[in-house]
Amino acid sequence: MNNSYFDTARTEIMPWLPERVSRLLDVGCGTGATTAAVRKERDVAWCGGIEYLPDVAAEAVPLFDRLWIGDAAIQPLEETIAPASLDLVLCLDVLEHMVDPWSMVKRFSELLGPGGRLIVSVPNIRNYRFIWRLLTRGDFRYRDFGLLDRTHLRFFVRETAIELATTGGLALTHAGSVQSLKPYEPRGILNALSFGRLDTFFAKQWLIVAEKAA
């Protein structure tokens, strides 16, 4: 098991947090590192988490007011979380593991209050490394982690990631690459020369932010 996958705080989401984050839900929370980072930035009164793996969830228990363990699709979230009561829902590299992520996004969207945000990250299947291996080697082998993680059930490009995040009626706020290209590296230079049009091939993951109307 790659422990850093579950222990790493996703600090790239910090610029996209709502001004008020009193109540949040972290879907696929791992050990709770990202939620802990959010709590340092905002005055969080209540936080819930969902983690599929029991051994990972055991480490997260102290950080959450309510922690659901197992498949998010079968958790009775609405018994604990009232409609329109959350300020933030995090779905960071988790929706691609779900059978029906669109239905789950609709559920999460109903739980967000006015001005609340859904922050999603998903791998970019249009990444140039994957395309190159597919075209030159016919390589579509699943692996233990990464873009072709053997537990990935769904695959997204930028446009379909946006459709996913907004399927519950939220308004798009941001859609960009999780990783920033350095301007002096070859990919950064090529992307600049293309006026950003190559970003769709260089991005490893898309970060999508969608907001509930105030």
N, C-alpha and C. Protein backbone atom coordinates (compact mmCIF):
# COMPACT_ATOMS: atom_id res chain seq x y z
N MET A 1 0.85 -1.20 0.00
CA MET A 1 0.00 0.00 0.00
C MET A 1 0.89 1.25 0.00
N ASN A 2 0.56 2.20 -0.85
CA ASN A 2 1.32 3.44 -0.92
C ASN A 2 0.79 4.41 0.14
N ASN A 3 1.49 4.47 1.31
CA ASN A 3 0.99 5.25 2.43
C ASN A 3 0.88 6.74 2.12
N SER A 4 1.79 7.26 1.28
CA SER A 4 1.75 8.69 0.97
C SER A 4 0.46 9.06 0.24
N TYR A 5 -0.15 8.11 -0.44
CA TYR A 5 -1.41 8.35 -1.14
C TYR A 5 -2.51 8.75 -0.16
N PHE A 6 -2.45 8.16 1.03
CA PHE A 6 -3.49 8.40 2.04
C PHE A 6 -3.10 9.48 3.04
N ASP A 7 -1.80 9.75 3.17
CA ASP A 7 -1.30 10.65 4.21
C ASP A 7 -1.02 12.07 3.75
N THR A 8 -1.06 12.32 2.45
CA THR A 8 -0.63 13.60 1.90
C THR A 8 -1.76 14.63 1.92
N ALA A 9 -1.48 15.80 2.48
CA ALA A 9 -2.46 16.90 2.47
C ALA A 9 -2.48 17.53 1.09
N ARG A 10 -3.65 17.69 0.51
CA ARG A 10 -3.79 18.25 -0.84
C ARG A 10 -3.88 19.78 -0.74
N THR A 11 -2.74 20.39 -0.52
CA THR A 11 -2.70 21.82 -0.26
C THR A 11 -3.03 22.66 -1.50
N GLU A 12 -3.05 22.06 -2.68
CA GLU A 12 -3.38 22.82 -3.88
C GLU A 12 -4.84 23.29 -3.87
N ILE A 13 -5.65 22.72 -3.00
CA ILE A 13 -7.06 23.15 -2.94
C ILE A 13 -7.24 24.42 -2.11
N MET A 14 -6.24 24.81 -1.33
CA MET A 14 -6.42 25.91 -0.38
C MET A 14 -6.86 27.23 -1.02
N PRO A 15 -6.33 27.60 -2.20
CA PRO A 15 -6.81 28.86 -2.80
C PRO A 15 -8.28 28.82 -3.20
N TRP A 16 -8.88 27.63 -3.23
CA TRP A 16 -10.25 27.50 -3.72
C TRP A 16 -11.26 27.22 -2.62
N LEU A 17 -10.81 27.31 -1.37
CA LEU A 17 -11.74 27.12 -0.26
C LEU A 17 -12.74 28.27 -0.19
N PRO A 18 -13.99 27.99 0.16
CA PRO A 18 -14.92 29.10 0.42
C PRO A 18 -14.43 29.93 1.60
N GLU A 19 -14.87 31.16 1.67
CA GLU A 19 -14.47 32.02 2.80
C GLU A 19 -14.92 31.42 4.12
N ARG A 20 -16.10 30.80 4.11
CA ARG A 20 -16.62 30.17 5.32
C ARG A 20 -16.65 28.67 5.13
N VAL A 21 -15.96 27.96 6.01
CA VAL A 21 -16.01 26.50 6.01
C VAL A 21 -16.28 26.05 7.44
N SER A 22 -17.55 26.11 7.81
CA SER A 22 -17.94 25.68 9.15
C SER A 22 -18.20 24.17 9.18
N ARG A 23 -18.72 23.65 8.06
CA ARG A 23 -19.05 22.22 7.99
C ARG A 23 -18.54 21.66 6.67
N LEU A 24 -17.82 20.55 6.75
CA LEU A 24 -17.26 19.97 5.53
C LEU A 24 -17.39 18.45 5.55
N LEU A 25 -17.38 17.89 4.34
CA LEU A 25 -17.36 16.44 4.14
C LEU A 25 -16.20 16.10 3.23
N ASP A 26 -15.32 15.22 3.68
CA ASP A 26 -14.15 14.80 2.92
C ASP A 26 -14.38 13.36 2.46
N VAL A 27 -14.65 13.19 1.16
CA VAL A 27 -14.96 11.89 0.59
C VAL A 27 -13.66 11.23 0.11
N GLY A 28 -13.38 10.04 0.64
CA GLY A 28 -12.08 9.43 0.38
C GLY A 28 -11.01 10.14 1.18
N CYS A 29 -11.28 10.30 2.46
CA CYS A 29 -10.48 11.19 3.31
C CYS A 29 -9.11 10.66 3.67
N GLY A 30 -8.84 9.37 3.41
CA GLY A 30 -7.56 8.81 3.82
C GLY A 30 -7.39 8.92 5.32
N THR A 31 -6.21 9.33 5.75
CA THR A 31 -5.95 9.49 7.19
C THR A 31 -6.39 10.84 7.72
N GLY A 32 -6.94 11.68 6.82
CA GLY A 32 -7.47 12.98 7.24
C GLY A 32 -6.51 14.14 7.09
N ALA A 33 -5.42 13.95 6.35
CA ALA A 33 -4.40 14.99 6.24
C ALA A 33 -4.94 16.27 5.59
N THR A 34 -5.77 16.12 4.56
CA THR A 34 -6.31 17.31 3.89
C THR A 34 -7.30 18.04 4.78
N THR A 35 -8.16 17.30 5.45
CA THR A 35 -9.10 17.94 6.38
C THR A 35 -8.35 18.67 7.48
N ALA A 36 -7.28 18.09 7.99
CA ALA A 36 -6.47 18.75 9.02
C ALA A 36 -5.89 20.05 8.49
N ALA A 37 -5.47 20.06 7.23
CA ALA A 37 -4.92 21.27 6.62
C ALA A 37 -5.99 22.35 6.47
N VAL A 38 -7.22 21.93 6.10
CA VAL A 38 -8.33 22.88 5.97
C VAL A 38 -8.64 23.50 7.33
N ARG A 39 -8.60 22.70 8.38
CA ARG A 39 -8.93 23.19 9.72
C ARG A 39 -7.92 24.23 10.20
N LYS A 40 -6.73 24.22 9.64
CA LYS A 40 -5.75 25.25 9.99
C LYS A 40 -6.06 26.58 9.31
N GLU A 41 -6.80 26.51 8.20
CA GLU A 41 -7.10 27.70 7.41
C GLU A 41 -8.48 28.29 7.70
N ARG A 42 -9.41 27.47 8.18
CA ARG A 42 -10.78 27.91 8.39
C ARG A 42 -11.27 27.44 9.77
N ASP A 43 -12.28 28.13 10.25
CA ASP A 43 -12.87 27.82 11.55
C ASP A 43 -13.93 26.73 11.36
N VAL A 44 -13.50 25.49 11.35
CA VAL A 44 -14.38 24.36 11.08
C VAL A 44 -15.02 23.88 12.37
N ALA A 45 -16.34 23.86 12.39
CA ALA A 45 -17.08 23.42 13.58
C ALA A 45 -17.40 21.93 13.54
N TRP A 46 -17.60 21.39 12.32
CA TRP A 46 -17.94 19.97 12.17
C TRP A 46 -17.34 19.46 10.88
N CYS A 47 -16.79 18.27 10.93
CA CYS A 47 -16.30 17.67 9.70
C CYS A 47 -16.61 16.18 9.68
N GLY A 48 -17.05 15.72 8.52
CA GLY A 48 -17.31 14.31 8.30
C GLY A 48 -16.36 13.77 7.25
N GLY A 49 -16.12 12.48 7.32
CA GLY A 49 -15.23 11.84 6.35
C GLY A 49 -15.78 10.50 5.92
N ILE A 50 -15.41 10.08 4.72
CA ILE A 50 -15.74 8.75 4.22
C ILE A 50 -14.45 8.11 3.73
N GLU A 51 -14.15 6.92 4.21
CA GLU A 51 -12.94 6.21 3.78
C GLU A 51 -13.28 4.74 3.55
N TYR A 52 -12.89 4.24 2.39
CA TYR A 52 -13.23 2.88 2.00
C TYR A 52 -12.45 1.83 2.78
N LEU A 53 -11.17 2.09 3.06
CA LEU A 53 -10.30 1.10 3.68
C LEU A 53 -10.32 1.20 5.20
N PRO A 54 -10.71 0.16 5.90
CA PRO A 54 -10.83 0.22 7.37
C PRO A 54 -9.52 0.55 8.08
N ASP A 55 -8.39 0.01 7.62
CA ASP A 55 -7.13 0.27 8.31
C ASP A 55 -6.70 1.72 8.17
N VAL A 56 -6.98 2.31 7.01
CA VAL A 56 -6.68 3.72 6.80
C VAL A 56 -7.64 4.58 7.63
N ALA A 57 -8.90 4.21 7.61
CA ALA A 57 -9.92 4.96 8.36
C ALA A 57 -9.61 4.98 9.85
N ALA A 58 -9.03 3.91 10.37
CA ALA A 58 -8.72 3.83 11.80
C ALA A 58 -7.81 4.97 12.23
N GLU A 59 -6.91 5.40 11.34
CA GLU A 59 -6.01 6.50 11.66
C GLU A 59 -6.73 7.85 11.60
N ALA A 60 -7.83 7.92 10.84
CA ALA A 60 -8.54 9.18 10.64
C ALA A 60 -9.56 9.46 11.73
N VAL A 61 -9.97 8.45 12.47
CA VAL A 61 -11.06 8.59 13.44
C VAL A 61 -10.92 9.81 14.35
N PRO A 62 -9.74 10.08 14.95
CA PRO A 62 -9.65 11.22 15.88
C PRO A 62 -9.90 12.59 15.25
N LEU A 63 -9.77 12.69 13.93
CA LEU A 63 -9.86 14.00 13.26
C LEU A 63 -11.29 14.37 12.86
N PHE A 64 -12.21 13.41 12.88
CA PHE A 64 -13.54 13.64 12.34
C PHE A 64 -14.62 13.54 13.41
N ASP A 65 -15.65 14.35 13.25
CA ASP A 65 -16.82 14.24 14.13
C ASP A 65 -17.67 13.03 13.77
N ARG A 66 -17.65 12.67 12.48
CA ARG A 66 -18.38 11.48 12.02
C ARG A 66 -17.59 10.90 10.87
N LEU A 67 -17.29 9.60 10.97
CA LEU A 67 -16.53 8.93 9.92
C LEU A 67 -17.28 7.69 9.46
N TRP A 68 -17.58 7.64 8.16
CA TRP A 68 -18.20 6.48 7.56
C TRP A 68 -17.12 5.61 6.93
N ILE A 69 -17.20 4.31 7.12
CA ILE A 69 -16.19 3.40 6.60
C ILE A 69 -16.84 2.45 5.60
N GLY A 70 -16.25 2.37 4.40
CA GLY A 70 -16.77 1.49 3.36
C GLY A 70 -17.19 2.27 2.13
N ASP A 71 -17.98 1.64 1.30
CA ASP A 71 -18.43 2.20 0.03
C ASP A 71 -19.30 3.44 0.28
N ALA A 72 -18.89 4.57 -0.29
CA ALA A 72 -19.63 5.82 -0.08
C ALA A 72 -21.05 5.72 -0.59
N ALA A 73 -21.28 4.93 -1.64
CA ALA A 73 -22.60 4.86 -2.27
C ALA A 73 -23.67 4.28 -1.35
N ILE A 74 -23.27 3.49 -0.36
CA ILE A 74 -24.27 2.84 0.51
C ILE A 74 -24.33 3.46 1.90
N GLN A 75 -23.59 4.55 2.12
CA GLN A 75 -23.59 5.18 3.43
C GLN A 75 -24.83 6.07 3.59
N PRO A 76 -25.50 6.01 4.73
CA PRO A 76 -26.70 6.83 4.97
C PRO A 76 -26.32 8.26 5.39
N LEU A 77 -25.67 8.96 4.51
CA LEU A 77 -25.14 10.30 4.85
C LEU A 77 -26.25 11.25 5.29
N GLU A 78 -27.40 11.15 4.63
CA GLU A 78 -28.49 12.09 4.88
C GLU A 78 -29.11 11.92 6.27
N GLU A 79 -28.83 10.81 6.93
CA GLU A 79 -29.31 10.63 8.29
C GLU A 79 -28.58 11.54 9.28
N THR A 80 -27.36 11.92 8.90
CA THR A 80 -26.52 12.77 9.76
C THR A 80 -26.38 14.19 9.21
N ILE A 81 -26.33 14.30 7.88
CA ILE A 81 -26.08 15.60 7.24
C ILE A 81 -27.38 16.11 6.63
N ALA A 82 -27.86 17.23 7.11
CA ALA A 82 -29.10 17.82 6.58
C ALA A 82 -28.85 18.42 5.20
N PRO A 83 -29.88 18.48 4.36
CA PRO A 83 -29.73 19.14 3.05
C PRO A 83 -29.29 20.59 3.22
N ALA A 84 -28.46 21.06 2.30
CA ALA A 84 -28.01 22.45 2.26
C ALA A 84 -27.31 22.89 3.55
N SER A 85 -26.58 21.97 4.20
CA SER A 85 -25.95 22.30 5.48
C SER A 85 -24.42 22.35 5.43
N LEU A 86 -23.83 21.93 4.31
CA LEU A 86 -22.36 21.90 4.22
C LEU A 86 -21.83 23.11 3.46
N ASP A 87 -20.61 23.50 3.83
CA ASP A 87 -19.92 24.58 3.12
C ASP A 87 -18.92 24.04 2.10
N LEU A 88 -18.49 22.80 2.31
CA LEU A 88 -17.43 22.26 1.45
C LEU A 88 -17.55 20.74 1.39
N VAL A 89 -17.46 20.21 0.16
CA VAL A 89 -17.34 18.77 -0.05
C VAL A 89 -16.08 18.54 -0.88
N LEU A 90 -15.21 17.68 -0.39
CA LEU A 90 -13.97 17.33 -1.08
C LEU A 90 -14.09 15.94 -1.69
N CYS A 91 -13.79 15.82 -2.98
CA CYS A 91 -13.75 14.53 -3.67
C CYS A 91 -12.44 14.48 -4.44
N LEU A 92 -11.36 14.19 -3.74
CA LEU A 92 -10.02 14.29 -4.32
C LEU A 92 -9.50 12.91 -4.68
N ASP A 93 -9.44 12.65 -5.98
CA ASP A 93 -8.99 11.36 -6.51
C ASP A 93 -9.78 10.20 -5.93
N VAL A 94 -11.10 10.36 -5.92
CA VAL A 94 -11.96 9.30 -5.39
C VAL A 94 -13.10 8.95 -6.34
N LEU A 95 -13.60 9.91 -7.10
CA LEU A 95 -14.77 9.66 -7.94
C LEU A 95 -14.48 8.66 -9.05
N GLU A 96 -13.25 8.60 -9.52
CA GLU A 96 -12.89 7.66 -10.58
C GLU A 96 -12.93 6.20 -10.10
N HIS A 97 -13.00 6.01 -8.79
CA HIS A 97 -13.09 4.66 -8.22
C HIS A 97 -14.53 4.19 -8.05
N MET A 98 -15.50 5.06 -8.33
CA MET A 98 -16.91 4.75 -8.06
C MET A 98 -17.63 4.22 -9.29
N VAL A 99 -18.59 3.34 -9.07
CA VAL A 99 -19.39 2.80 -10.16
C VAL A 99 -20.21 3.89 -10.82
N ASP A 100 -20.85 4.73 -10.01
CA ASP A 100 -21.71 5.79 -10.54
C ASP A 100 -21.37 7.12 -9.85
N PRO A 101 -20.26 7.74 -10.24
CA PRO A 101 -19.86 9.00 -9.60
C PRO A 101 -20.84 10.14 -9.85
N TRP A 102 -21.60 10.08 -10.95
CA TRP A 102 -22.54 11.15 -11.27
C TRP A 102 -23.67 11.20 -10.23
N SER A 103 -24.18 10.05 -9.85
CA SER A 103 -25.22 10.01 -8.81
C SER A 103 -24.68 10.50 -7.48
N MET A 104 -23.42 10.16 -7.18
CA MET A 104 -22.82 10.59 -5.92
C MET A 104 -22.64 12.11 -5.91
N VAL A 105 -22.21 12.68 -7.02
CA VAL A 105 -22.06 14.14 -7.09
C VAL A 105 -23.40 14.83 -6.89
N LYS A 106 -24.46 14.26 -7.43
CA LYS A 106 -25.80 14.84 -7.22
C LYS A 106 -26.17 14.81 -5.73
N ARG A 107 -25.84 13.72 -5.05
CA ARG A 107 -26.11 13.63 -3.62
C ARG A 107 -25.32 14.68 -2.85
N PHE A 108 -24.04 14.78 -3.15
CA PHE A 108 -23.18 15.75 -2.45
C PHE A 108 -23.65 17.18 -2.72
N SER A 109 -24.10 17.44 -3.93
CA SER A 109 -24.54 18.78 -4.29
C SER A 109 -25.76 19.19 -3.47
N GLU A 110 -26.65 18.24 -3.19
CA GLU A 110 -27.83 18.52 -2.37
C GLU A 110 -27.46 18.87 -0.94
N LEU A 111 -26.32 18.39 -0.49
CA LEU A 111 -25.90 18.64 0.90
C LEU A 111 -25.23 20.00 1.07
N LEU A 112 -24.83 20.63 -0.04
CA LEU A 112 -24.17 21.93 0.02
C LEU A 112 -25.17 23.07 0.21
N GLY A 113 -24.82 24.01 1.07
CA GLY A 113 -25.63 25.19 1.25
C GLY A 113 -25.26 26.27 0.25
N PRO A 114 -26.00 27.38 0.22
CA PRO A 114 -25.70 28.48 -0.70
C PRO A 114 -24.26 28.96 -0.53
N GLY A 115 -23.54 29.08 -1.64
CA GLY A 115 -22.14 29.49 -1.60
C GLY A 115 -21.19 28.37 -1.27
N GLY A 116 -21.72 27.17 -0.98
CA GLY A 116 -20.87 26.02 -0.69
C GLY A 116 -20.18 25.52 -1.95
N ARG A 117 -19.04 24.87 -1.76
CA ARG A 117 -18.26 24.42 -2.91
C ARG A 117 -17.97 22.92 -2.88
N LEU A 118 -17.96 22.35 -4.07
CA LEU A 118 -17.50 20.99 -4.32
C LEU A 118 -16.16 21.10 -5.02
N ILE A 119 -15.13 20.48 -4.45
CA ILE A 119 -13.81 20.47 -5.07
C ILE A 119 -13.48 19.04 -5.46
N VAL A 120 -13.23 18.84 -6.74
CA VAL A 120 -13.00 17.52 -7.31
C VAL A 120 -11.63 17.47 -7.97
N SER A 121 -10.92 16.37 -7.79
CA SER A 121 -9.75 16.12 -8.64
C SER A 121 -9.87 14.71 -9.20
N VAL A 122 -9.57 14.60 -10.50
CA VAL A 122 -9.59 13.30 -11.18
C VAL A 122 -8.39 13.23 -12.13
N PRO A 123 -7.88 12.02 -12.39
CA PRO A 123 -6.78 11.88 -13.35
C PRO A 123 -7.23 12.25 -14.76
N ASN A 124 -6.28 12.70 -15.56
CA ASN A 124 -6.54 13.10 -16.94
C ASN A 124 -6.12 11.99 -17.89
N ILE A 125 -7.08 11.29 -18.48
CA ILE A 125 -6.76 10.18 -19.38
C ILE A 125 -6.15 10.68 -20.69
N ARG A 126 -6.20 11.98 -20.93
CA ARG A 126 -5.62 12.54 -22.16
C ARG A 126 -4.15 12.92 -21.98
N ASN A 127 -3.56 12.58 -20.84
CA ASN A 127 -2.16 12.91 -20.57
C ASN A 127 -1.25 12.30 -21.64
N TYR A 128 -0.25 13.08 -22.06
CA TYR A 128 0.60 12.69 -23.18
C TYR A 128 1.37 11.39 -22.92
N ARG A 129 1.75 11.12 -21.67
CA ARG A 129 2.49 9.90 -21.37
C ARG A 129 1.64 8.66 -21.66
N PHE A 130 0.37 8.73 -21.24
CA PHE A 130 -0.53 7.61 -21.50
C PHE A 130 -0.77 7.45 -22.99
N ILE A 131 -1.04 8.56 -23.68
CA ILE A 131 -1.32 8.49 -25.12
C ILE A 131 -0.12 7.93 -25.87
N TRP A 132 1.09 8.36 -25.49
CA TRP A 132 2.32 7.87 -26.16
C TRP A 132 2.48 6.37 -25.98
N ARG A 133 2.29 5.89 -24.74
CA ARG A 133 2.43 4.46 -24.49
C ARG A 133 1.35 3.66 -25.23
N LEU A 134 0.15 4.23 -25.30
CA LEU A 134 -0.94 3.54 -25.99
C LEU A 134 -0.67 3.44 -27.48
N LEU A 135 -0.22 4.55 -28.08
CA LEU A 135 0.00 4.59 -29.53
C LEU A 135 1.23 3.80 -29.96
N THR A 136 2.31 3.87 -29.17
CA THR A 136 3.57 3.26 -29.60
C THR A 136 3.75 1.84 -29.10
N ARG A 137 3.10 1.50 -27.97
CA ARG A 137 3.29 0.16 -27.39
C ARG A 137 1.99 -0.61 -27.23
N GLY A 138 0.87 0.05 -27.48
CA GLY A 138 -0.41 -0.60 -27.23
C GLY A 138 -0.60 -0.92 -25.76
N ASP A 139 -0.03 -0.08 -24.91
CA ASP A 139 0.00 -0.33 -23.47
C ASP A 139 -1.24 0.24 -22.78
N PHE A 140 -2.14 -0.64 -22.37
CA PHE A 140 -3.26 -0.25 -21.53
C PHE A 140 -3.33 -1.21 -20.34
N ARG A 141 -2.17 -1.47 -19.76
CA ARG A 141 -2.10 -2.38 -18.61
C ARG A 141 -2.41 -1.62 -17.33
N TYR A 142 -3.24 -2.22 -16.49
CA TYR A 142 -3.54 -1.63 -15.20
C TYR A 142 -2.36 -1.84 -14.26
N ARG A 143 -2.22 -0.87 -13.32
CA ARG A 143 -1.09 -0.89 -12.40
C ARG A 143 -1.59 -0.71 -10.97
N ASP A 144 -0.64 -0.73 -10.03
CA ASP A 144 -1.02 -0.61 -8.61
C ASP A 144 -1.40 0.81 -8.22
N PHE A 145 -0.93 1.80 -8.98
CA PHE A 145 -1.27 3.19 -8.70
C PHE A 145 -1.05 4.01 -9.97
N GLY A 146 -1.47 5.28 -9.93
CA GLY A 146 -1.30 6.15 -11.09
C GLY A 146 -2.53 6.19 -11.96
N LEU A 147 -2.37 6.69 -13.18
CA LEU A 147 -3.50 6.90 -14.09
C LEU A 147 -4.27 5.62 -14.36
N LEU A 148 -3.55 4.51 -14.50
CA LEU A 148 -4.20 3.23 -14.76
C LEU A 148 -4.21 2.35 -13.51
N ASP A 149 -4.44 2.98 -12.38
CA ASP A 149 -4.67 2.25 -11.13
C ASP A 149 -5.74 1.19 -11.39
N ARG A 150 -5.47 -0.03 -10.95
CA ARG A 150 -6.39 -1.13 -11.25
C ARG A 150 -7.76 -0.98 -10.58
N THR A 151 -7.88 -0.03 -9.63
CA THR A 151 -9.18 0.21 -9.00
C THR A 151 -9.95 1.34 -9.66
N HIS A 152 -9.40 1.95 -10.72
CA HIS A 152 -10.13 2.99 -11.44
C HIS A 152 -11.22 2.36 -12.31
N LEU A 153 -12.43 2.84 -12.14
CA LEU A 153 -13.58 2.35 -12.92
C LEU A 153 -14.02 3.34 -13.99
N ARG A 154 -13.67 4.62 -13.81
CA ARG A 154 -14.09 5.68 -14.73
C ARG A 154 -12.88 6.52 -15.13
N PHE A 155 -12.93 7.06 -16.35
CA PHE A 155 -11.83 7.87 -16.87
C PHE A 155 -12.37 9.18 -17.41
N PHE A 156 -11.58 10.25 -17.22
CA PHE A 156 -12.07 11.58 -17.55
C PHE A 156 -11.02 12.40 -18.29
N VAL A 157 -11.53 13.30 -19.15
CA VAL A 157 -10.74 14.40 -19.70
C VAL A 157 -11.32 15.68 -19.08
N ARG A 158 -10.77 16.83 -19.44
CA ARG A 158 -11.19 18.07 -18.80
C ARG A 158 -12.70 18.31 -18.95
N GLU A 159 -13.20 18.14 -20.15
CA GLU A 159 -14.61 18.45 -20.41
C GLU A 159 -15.54 17.53 -19.62
N THR A 160 -15.22 16.24 -19.59
CA THR A 160 -16.10 15.32 -18.87
C THR A 160 -15.93 15.44 -17.36
N ALA A 161 -14.76 15.89 -16.90
CA ALA A 161 -14.59 16.16 -15.47
C ALA A 161 -15.46 17.34 -15.05
N ILE A 162 -15.55 18.35 -15.90
CA ILE A 162 -16.42 19.50 -15.63
C ILE A 162 -17.89 19.05 -15.59
N GLU A 163 -18.28 18.22 -16.57
CA GLU A 163 -19.65 17.72 -16.61
C GLU A 163 -19.97 16.96 -15.33
N LEU A 164 -19.01 16.17 -14.85
CA LEU A 164 -19.22 15.41 -13.61
C LEU A 164 -19.44 16.34 -12.43
N ALA A 165 -18.56 17.32 -12.26
CA ALA A 165 -18.62 18.21 -11.08
C ALA A 165 -19.88 19.08 -11.07
N THR A 166 -20.42 19.35 -12.24
CA THR A 166 -21.59 20.24 -12.33
C THR A 166 -22.90 19.48 -12.58
N THR A 167 -22.86 18.15 -12.54
CA THR A 167 -24.05 17.36 -12.86
C THR A 167 -25.17 17.55 -11.84
N GLY A 168 -24.82 18.05 -10.64
CA GLY A 168 -25.83 18.30 -9.62
C GLY A 168 -26.37 19.71 -9.63
N GLY A 169 -26.06 20.49 -10.68
CA GLY A 169 -26.59 21.84 -10.80
C GLY A 169 -25.69 22.93 -10.26
N LEU A 170 -24.48 22.58 -9.85
CA LEU A 170 -23.54 23.60 -9.36
C LEU A 170 -22.94 24.37 -10.53
N ALA A 171 -22.46 25.57 -10.24
CA ALA A 171 -21.86 26.42 -11.27
C ALA A 171 -20.34 26.25 -11.25
N LEU A 172 -19.75 26.15 -12.41
CA LEU A 172 -18.30 25.98 -12.51
C LEU A 172 -17.58 27.24 -12.07
N THR A 173 -16.59 27.07 -11.18
CA THR A 173 -15.77 28.17 -10.70
C THR A 173 -14.35 28.10 -11.25
N HIS A 174 -13.83 26.88 -11.39
CA HIS A 174 -12.44 26.71 -11.84
C HIS A 174 -12.28 25.33 -12.44
N ALA A 175 -11.48 25.23 -13.49
CA ALA A 175 -11.11 23.94 -14.07
C ALA A 175 -9.69 24.06 -14.60
N GLY A 176 -8.75 23.47 -13.90
CA GLY A 176 -7.35 23.59 -14.32
C GLY A 176 -6.54 22.39 -13.87
N SER A 177 -5.29 22.38 -14.29
CA SER A 177 -4.38 21.30 -13.92
C SER A 177 -4.00 21.39 -12.46
N VAL A 178 -3.95 20.25 -11.79
CA VAL A 178 -3.51 20.22 -10.40
C VAL A 178 -2.04 20.64 -10.31
N GLN A 179 -1.22 20.15 -11.24
CA GLN A 179 0.21 20.43 -11.23
C GLN A 179 0.52 21.67 -12.07
N SER A 180 1.41 22.50 -11.58
CA SER A 180 1.82 23.70 -12.31
C SER A 180 3.09 23.39 -13.11
N LEU A 181 3.10 23.79 -14.36
CA LEU A 181 4.28 23.61 -15.19
C LEU A 181 5.27 24.75 -14.92
N LYS A 182 6.53 24.39 -14.74
CA LYS A 182 7.56 25.41 -14.55
C LYS A 182 7.86 26.06 -15.91
N PRO A 183 7.94 27.40 -15.97
CA PRO A 183 8.07 28.08 -17.27
C PRO A 183 9.37 27.75 -18.01
N TYR A 184 10.39 27.28 -17.29
CA TYR A 184 11.68 27.01 -17.92
C TYR A 184 11.85 25.55 -18.34
N GLU A 185 10.93 24.67 -17.97
CA GLU A 185 11.04 23.28 -18.39
C GLU A 185 10.43 23.12 -19.78
N PRO A 186 10.84 22.10 -20.53
CA PRO A 186 10.35 21.95 -21.92
C PRO A 186 8.83 21.97 -22.05
N ARG A 187 8.14 21.27 -21.15
CA ARG A 187 6.67 21.26 -21.25
C ARG A 187 6.08 22.64 -21.01
N GLY A 188 6.69 23.39 -20.08
CA GLY A 188 6.21 24.74 -19.80
C GLY A 188 6.42 25.66 -20.99
N ILE A 189 7.56 25.50 -21.66
CA ILE A 189 7.87 26.32 -22.83
C ILE A 189 6.90 26.00 -23.97
N LEU A 190 6.69 24.70 -24.22
CA LEU A 190 5.77 24.30 -25.29
C LEU A 190 4.35 24.77 -25.01
N ASN A 191 3.95 24.67 -23.74
CA ASN A 191 2.60 25.10 -23.38
C ASN A 191 2.43 26.60 -23.57
N ALA A 192 3.47 27.36 -23.22
CA ALA A 192 3.41 28.81 -23.40
C ALA A 192 3.34 29.17 -24.88
N LEU A 193 4.14 28.48 -25.70
CA LEU A 193 4.14 28.75 -27.14
C LEU A 193 2.79 28.41 -27.78
N SER A 194 2.08 27.46 -27.18
CA SER A 194 0.76 27.07 -27.71
C SER A 194 -0.37 27.89 -27.09
N PHE A 195 0.02 28.93 -26.28
CA PHE A 195 -0.97 29.76 -25.57
C PHE A 195 -1.88 28.91 -24.67
N GLY A 196 -1.28 27.88 -24.05
CA GLY A 196 -1.99 27.05 -23.10
C GLY A 196 -2.80 25.92 -23.68
N ARG A 197 -2.80 25.79 -25.01
CA ARG A 197 -3.64 24.76 -25.63
C ARG A 197 -3.13 23.34 -25.37
N LEU A 198 -1.84 23.20 -25.03
CA LEU A 198 -1.29 21.87 -24.76
C LEU A 198 -1.50 21.43 -23.32
N ASP A 199 -2.07 22.31 -22.51
CA ASP A 199 -2.30 21.97 -21.11
C ASP A 199 -3.15 20.71 -20.98
N THR A 200 -4.06 20.50 -21.90
CA THR A 200 -4.95 19.35 -21.84
C THR A 200 -4.20 18.04 -22.00
N PHE A 201 -2.99 18.10 -22.61
CA PHE A 201 -2.16 16.90 -22.76
C PHE A 201 -1.14 16.76 -21.63
N PHE A 202 -0.69 17.88 -21.08
CA PHE A 202 0.34 17.84 -20.05
C PHE A 202 -0.24 17.60 -18.65
N ALA A 203 -1.48 17.95 -18.43
CA ALA A 203 -2.07 17.80 -17.09
C ALA A 203 -2.14 16.33 -16.70
N LYS A 204 -1.71 16.04 -15.47
CA LYS A 204 -1.86 14.69 -14.93
C LYS A 204 -3.22 14.53 -14.26
N GLN A 205 -3.68 15.60 -13.62
CA GLN A 205 -4.96 15.58 -12.93
C GLN A 205 -5.67 16.90 -13.17
N TRP A 206 -6.99 16.84 -13.19
CA TRP A 206 -7.78 18.06 -13.28
C TRP A 206 -8.34 18.41 -11.91
N LEU A 207 -8.28 19.69 -11.57
CA LEU A 207 -8.89 20.21 -10.35
C LEU A 207 -10.10 21.03 -10.77
N ILE A 208 -11.27 20.58 -10.36
CA ILE A 208 -12.53 21.22 -10.74
C ILE A 208 -13.20 21.75 -9.48
N VAL A 209 -13.60 23.01 -9.53
CA VAL A 209 -14.30 23.65 -8.40
C VAL A 209 -15.67 24.11 -8.88
N ALA A 210 -16.71 23.66 -8.19
CA ALA A 210 -18.07 24.04 -8.55
C ALA A 210 -18.79 24.57 -7.30
N GLU A 211 -19.67 25.56 -7.50
CA GLU A 211 -20.27 26.29 -6.37
C GLU A 211 -21.79 26.28 -6.44
N LYS A 212 -22.41 26.17 -5.28
CA LYS A 212 -23.87 26.26 -5.16
C LYS A 212 -24.27 27.73 -5.21
N ALA A 213 -25.29 28.04 -5.95
CA ALA A 213 -25.74 29.43 -6.07
C ALA A 213 -26.13 29.98 -4.70
N ALA A 214 -25.72 31.23 -4.46
CA ALA A 214 -26.02 31.87 -3.17
C ALA A 214 -27.49 32.26 -3.10
